[in-house]
Protein backbone atom coordinates (compact mmCIF):
# COMPACT_ATOMS: atom_id res chain seq x y z
CA MET A 1 -10.16 -4.15 -17.21
CA ASP A 2 -7.43 -5.53 -19.14
CA LEU A 3 -4.44 -4.25 -17.82
CA LYS A 4 -2.47 -5.47 -21.07
CA LEU A 5 0.20 -7.34 -19.00
CA ALA A 6 -0.10 -10.84 -20.20
CA GLY A 7 3.11 -12.29 -21.52
CA ARG A 8 4.95 -9.30 -20.38
CA VAL A 9 8.02 -9.97 -18.45
CA ALA A 10 8.77 -8.43 -15.19
CA VAL A 11 12.00 -8.54 -12.73
CA VAL A 12 10.31 -7.84 -8.85
CA THR A 13 13.49 -7.18 -5.92
CA GLY A 14 12.53 -8.23 -2.48
CA ALA A 15 10.15 -10.84 -3.60
CA SER A 16 9.98 -13.21 -1.23
CA LYS A 17 7.76 -11.66 1.31
CA GLY A 18 5.74 -8.34 2.25
CA ILE A 19 5.05 -5.67 -0.90
CA GLY A 20 7.45 -7.99 -2.94
CA LEU A 21 5.37 -10.99 -2.80
CA ALA A 22 2.03 -9.37 -3.24
CA ILE A 23 3.65 -7.79 -6.64
CA THR A 24 4.70 -11.05 -7.75
CA ARG A 25 1.67 -12.60 -7.11
CA SER A 26 -0.42 -9.98 -8.70
CA LEU A 27 1.61 -9.94 -11.61
CA LEU A 28 1.32 -13.50 -12.32
CA ASP A 29 -2.29 -12.99 -11.99
CA GLU A 30 -2.40 -11.05 -14.85
CA GLY A 31 -0.64 -13.31 -17.32
CA ALA A 32 2.92 -11.71 -17.00
CA LYS A 33 6.11 -13.64 -16.58
CA VAL A 34 8.21 -12.80 -13.25
CA LEU A 35 11.77 -13.03 -12.40
CA ALA A 36 11.60 -13.03 -8.53
CA VAL A 37 15.10 -11.48 -6.53
CA SER A 38 15.37 -12.31 -3.15
CA ARG A 39 18.11 -14.00 -0.66
CA GLY A 40 16.12 -16.94 -0.38
CA THR A 41 12.11 -18.31 -1.30
CA SER A 42 9.43 -18.17 0.74
CA SER A 43 6.84 -21.15 1.42
CA GLU A 44 4.47 -18.36 -0.17
CA LEU A 45 6.69 -17.50 -3.13
CA ASP A 46 6.84 -21.23 -3.62
CA ALA A 47 2.82 -21.55 -3.44
CA VAL A 48 2.49 -19.18 -6.63
CA ALA A 49 5.33 -21.51 -8.51
CA GLY A 50 4.73 -22.64 -12.02
CA PRO A 51 6.23 -21.83 -15.87
CA SER A 52 5.28 -17.92 -15.48
CA LEU A 53 7.71 -17.72 -11.94
CA ARG A 54 11.44 -18.27 -11.71
CA HIS A 55 13.26 -17.55 -8.71
CA THR A 56 16.84 -16.43 -8.28
CA ALA A 57 18.30 -16.25 -4.96
CA LEU A 58 20.83 -13.17 -5.07
CA ASP A 59 21.81 -10.53 -2.34
CA LEU A 60 21.50 -7.18 -3.68
CA MET A 61 24.12 -6.05 -1.46
CA ASP A 62 26.55 -7.87 -4.12
CA PRO A 63 27.18 -5.06 -6.98
CA ALA A 64 27.05 -7.81 -9.23
CA ALA A 65 24.07 -9.20 -8.41
CA PRO A 66 21.25 -6.88 -10.21
CA GLU A 67 22.85 -7.01 -13.41
CA GLN A 68 22.59 -11.25 -12.71
CA ALA A 69 18.91 -10.87 -12.04
CA ILE A 70 18.39 -8.97 -15.44
CA ALA A 71 20.35 -11.28 -17.38
CA GLU A 72 18.44 -14.12 -15.93
CA ALA A 73 15.09 -13.16 -16.72
CA VAL A 74 16.46 -12.02 -20.51
CA SER A 75 17.48 -15.48 -20.64
CA ALA A 76 14.49 -17.32 -19.45
CA PHE A 77 11.61 -15.02 -20.91
CA GLY A 78 13.21 -13.44 -23.88
CA GLY A 79 13.21 -9.97 -22.83
CA LEU A 80 11.93 -7.16 -20.32
CA ASP A 81 9.64 -4.84 -19.95
CA ILE A 82 9.02 -4.06 -16.37
CA LEU A 83 11.29 -4.15 -13.57
CA VAL A 84 9.74 -2.89 -10.19
CA ASN A 85 12.90 -2.00 -7.60
CA ASN A 86 11.08 -3.03 -4.39
CA ALA A 87 14.02 -4.43 -1.93
CA GLY A 88 14.76 -1.69 0.65
CA GLY A 89 13.83 -1.08 4.28
CA PRO A 90 16.87 -2.25 6.50
CA PRO A 91 19.91 -3.83 4.91
CA PRO A 92 20.47 -7.21 5.89
CA GLY A 93 21.22 -7.65 9.51
CA VAL A 94 20.15 -4.27 10.49
CA LYS A 95 17.57 -3.38 12.54
CA LEU A 96 15.07 -0.38 12.65
CA PRO A 97 13.50 1.67 13.94
CA ARG A 98 16.39 4.47 14.67
CA THR A 99 15.28 7.21 16.48
CA SER A 100 18.02 9.75 16.14
CA PHE A 101 20.49 10.86 13.91
CA HIS A 102 23.18 9.92 16.15
CA ASP A 103 22.06 6.09 16.01
CA ALA A 104 23.75 5.52 12.55
CA THR A 105 27.63 5.48 11.89
CA ASP A 106 29.30 6.22 8.71
CA GLU A 107 29.04 2.08 7.94
CA ASP A 108 25.27 1.93 8.97
CA TRP A 109 24.73 5.10 6.14
CA ARG A 110 26.93 3.03 3.31
CA ALA A 111 24.68 -0.08 3.81
CA MET A 112 21.51 1.68 3.87
CA PHE A 113 23.03 3.63 0.58
CA GLU A 114 24.01 0.17 -0.88
CA PHE A 115 20.63 -1.50 -0.44
CA ASN A 116 18.11 1.19 -0.66
CA LEU A 117 19.82 3.07 -3.86
CA PHE A 118 22.54 1.83 -5.57
CA SER A 119 21.03 -1.66 -5.93
CA ALA A 120 18.26 -0.16 -7.94
CA VAL A 121 20.66 1.96 -9.71
CA ARG A 122 22.73 -1.21 -10.78
CA ALA A 123 19.09 -3.01 -11.83
CA ILE A 124 18.08 0.00 -13.88
CA ARG A 125 21.45 0.27 -15.41
CA ALA A 126 21.28 -3.21 -16.44
CA ALA A 127 17.51 -3.37 -17.63
CA LEU A 128 17.77 0.32 -19.77
CA PRO A 129 19.40 -1.34 -22.88
CA HIS A 130 16.43 -4.50 -23.04
CA LEU A 131 13.39 -2.03 -22.12
CA ALA A 132 14.53 0.38 -24.83
CA THR A 133 14.28 -2.45 -27.39
CA ARG A 134 10.36 -2.86 -26.59
CA GLY A 135 9.61 0.49 -24.32
CA GLY A 136 8.72 -0.58 -20.72
CA SER A 137 8.02 0.05 -17.37
CA ILE A 138 10.43 0.92 -13.97
CA ILE A 139 8.48 1.25 -10.64
CA ASN A 140 10.73 2.18 -7.96
CA ILE A 141 9.50 1.60 -4.40
CA SER A 142 10.05 4.65 -1.69
CA THR A 143 8.68 5.75 1.06
CA THR A 144 6.67 8.72 2.72
CA LEU A 145 10.12 9.51 4.34
CA ALA A 146 11.43 10.94 1.37
CA THR A 147 9.41 13.89 0.88
CA GLN A 148 8.15 14.09 4.72
CA PRO A 149 11.95 14.21 6.60
CA SER A 150 11.75 12.59 10.16
CA PRO A 151 14.61 11.69 13.07
CA MET A 152 12.97 8.46 12.86
CA ASN A 153 15.27 6.03 10.01
CA VAL A 154 17.39 9.45 8.96
CA ASP A 155 19.52 7.40 6.78
CA TYR A 156 16.56 5.35 5.03
CA GLY A 157 14.67 8.34 4.45
CA ALA A 158 17.62 10.00 3.11
CA ALA A 159 18.46 7.25 0.63
CA LYS A 160 15.05 6.83 -0.53
CA ALA A 161 14.86 11.01 -1.16
CA ALA A 162 17.91 10.22 -3.84
CA LEU A 163 15.59 7.54 -5.10
CA ASN A 164 12.80 9.53 -5.78
CA ASN A 165 15.57 12.31 -7.50
CA LEU A 166 16.54 9.21 -9.67
CA THR A 167 13.18 8.55 -10.83
CA LYS A 168 12.53 12.23 -12.21
CA VAL A 169 15.99 12.20 -14.08
CA LEU A 170 15.45 9.16 -15.54
CA SER A 171 11.84 9.59 -16.75
CA GLU A 172 13.00 12.58 -18.84
CA GLU A 173 15.98 11.15 -20.49
CA PHE A 174 14.50 7.71 -21.09
CA ALA A 175 11.10 9.20 -22.28
CA PRO A 176 12.10 9.35 -26.12
CA GLN A 177 12.92 5.57 -25.96
CA GLY A 178 9.45 4.75 -24.48
CA ILE A 179 10.47 3.95 -20.90
CA ARG A 180 8.17 5.30 -18.33
CA VAL A 181 9.61 5.87 -14.67
CA ASN A 182 7.90 6.45 -11.51
CA THR A 183 8.16 6.04 -7.70
CA ILE A 184 5.05 4.79 -5.14
CA SER A 185 5.64 5.95 -1.88
CA PRO A 186 3.85 4.01 0.83
CA GLY A 187 3.27 5.26 3.99
CA GLY A 188 3.05 2.11 7.09
CA VAL A 189 2.24 -1.39 5.12
CA ARG A 190 1.73 -4.38 7.36
CA THR A 191 4.26 -6.40 6.24
CA PRO A 192 7.04 -8.83 7.90
CA TRP A 193 8.97 -6.11 8.75
CA TRP A 194 6.03 -5.08 11.39
CA THR A 195 4.78 -8.50 12.08
CA ASP A 196 7.66 -11.12 12.34
CA PRO A 197 8.71 -11.75 16.04
CA GLY A 198 11.02 -9.30 17.41
CA GLY A 199 10.11 -6.84 14.32
CA ALA A 200 9.29 -3.26 14.14
CA ALA A 201 5.85 -4.20 16.27
CA ASP A 202 7.54 -6.03 19.03
CA ARG A 203 10.29 -3.32 19.33
CA MET A 204 7.76 -0.24 19.28
CA ALA A 205 5.60 -2.27 21.81
CA GLY A 206 8.49 -2.39 23.95
CA MET A 207 9.28 1.79 23.59
CA LEU A 208 5.97 2.55 24.12
CA GLY A 209 4.93 0.21 26.75
CA SER A 210 2.36 -1.47 25.26
CA THR A 211 1.59 -4.58 23.26
CA ARG A 212 2.41 -5.68 19.74
CA GLU A 213 -1.35 -6.24 18.72
CA GLU A 214 -2.10 -2.47 19.89
CA VAL A 215 0.57 -1.44 17.90
CA LEU A 216 -0.20 -3.00 14.98
CA THR A 217 -3.82 -2.22 15.50
CA THR A 218 -3.87 1.17 16.81
CA GLN A 219 -0.84 3.15 17.82
CA ALA A 220 1.17 2.52 14.59
CA PRO A 221 -1.71 3.97 12.32
CA GLN A 222 -1.97 6.64 15.08
CA LEU A 223 2.05 7.45 15.28
CA LEU A 224 1.93 7.57 11.19
CA ASN A 225 -0.87 9.89 11.13
CA MET A 226 -2.91 7.09 8.78
CA LEU A 227 -6.35 8.79 8.26
CA THR A 228 -7.61 5.00 7.52
CA GLY A 229 -7.04 4.07 10.93
CA ARG A 230 -4.75 1.04 9.78
CA LEU A 231 -1.63 -0.16 8.18
CA ILE A 232 -1.93 -0.13 4.65
CA THR A 233 -2.21 -4.15 2.79
CA PRO A 234 0.43 -4.96 0.26
CA GLU A 235 -1.85 -5.92 -1.93
CA GLU A 236 -3.13 -2.11 -1.94
CA ILE A 237 0.98 -1.17 -3.14
CA ALA A 238 0.69 -4.28 -5.72
CA ASP A 239 -2.38 -2.88 -7.22
CA MET A 240 -0.78 0.81 -8.20
CA VAL A 241 2.36 -1.22 -9.18
CA LEU A 242 0.07 -3.08 -12.12
CA LEU A 243 -1.59 0.18 -13.15
CA LEU A 244 2.10 1.77 -13.36
CA ALA A 245 3.32 -1.09 -15.65
CA SER A 246 0.25 -1.14 -17.74
CA PRO A 247 0.50 0.35 -21.02
CA ARG A 248 -3.05 1.95 -19.74
CA SER A 249 -0.47 4.46 -18.01
CA ALA A 250 1.36 5.30 -20.94
CA SER A 251 1.25 8.80 -20.11
CA THR A 252 2.18 8.50 -16.60
CA THR A 253 6.10 9.17 -16.03
CA GLY A 254 8.22 11.26 -13.96
CA THR A 255 5.52 10.60 -10.63
CA THR A 256 5.77 9.95 -7.09
CA ILE A 257 2.37 8.47 -5.83
CA PRO A 258 1.94 8.16 -2.35
CA ILE A 259 -0.31 5.48 -0.97
CA ASP A 260 -0.23 6.57 2.80
CA ALA A 261 -3.36 6.75 4.00
CA GLY A 262 -3.86 10.33 4.16
CA LEU A 263 -0.23 11.37 5.52
CA LEU A 264 1.17 13.90 3.16
CA LYS A 265 -0.68 16.79 2.22
CA ALA A 266 0.88 19.24 0.15
CA VAL A 267 -1.12 21.65 -2.26
């Protein structure tokens, strides 16, 4: 299927690893041009370097950074068609999971909202004038915790719930300008956040008295109620991003799509 993404210009935040890297690779494979945003590059991102990829090193905790990213994409590639607000999770220097409401201070809450909500707000604000000239798609990467509240990482879930709400509002206001806005809510995805040394798998193994491999292959999928019995791959998220970015999804806007291996159940 031709997704009609060849030549289109995308900005992807959090692009150096995990879901963002998979999205960047997939967009490039479809012939899109990508401005990849992250605090630093990676060997995996460097491996797909070429004329259709530009990396910019920015810290999205800096309020000026999202606007800089959008401006650089427009300067480098002549416009903007797709914005993927993928950067999220623990702010720089923060370790998750948190297991109780009492684990997060006011400053922890501020940092979590800064990284997971306000960085997206600022990127969208900067992108809208460019998207309005040619239509386009905004895709916000959220989490199942936004709609399935849990004491686990409560500040993170709250910030992403706000992002889900923002998606709905923007989809209504900017549809007349040809701008579509959607959310993807992943369940547990096997990313470096899980697999890096000292990452979530190691921390959960310490809590459960097991091994990191047991967490990754068995315990995490069970705890997250993943009916497939495994963590999701980043490429599975990227595939949905491509579909939502494509003109073939011209009538899809204001929706939240779970990719969660059956966790969320609602009628």
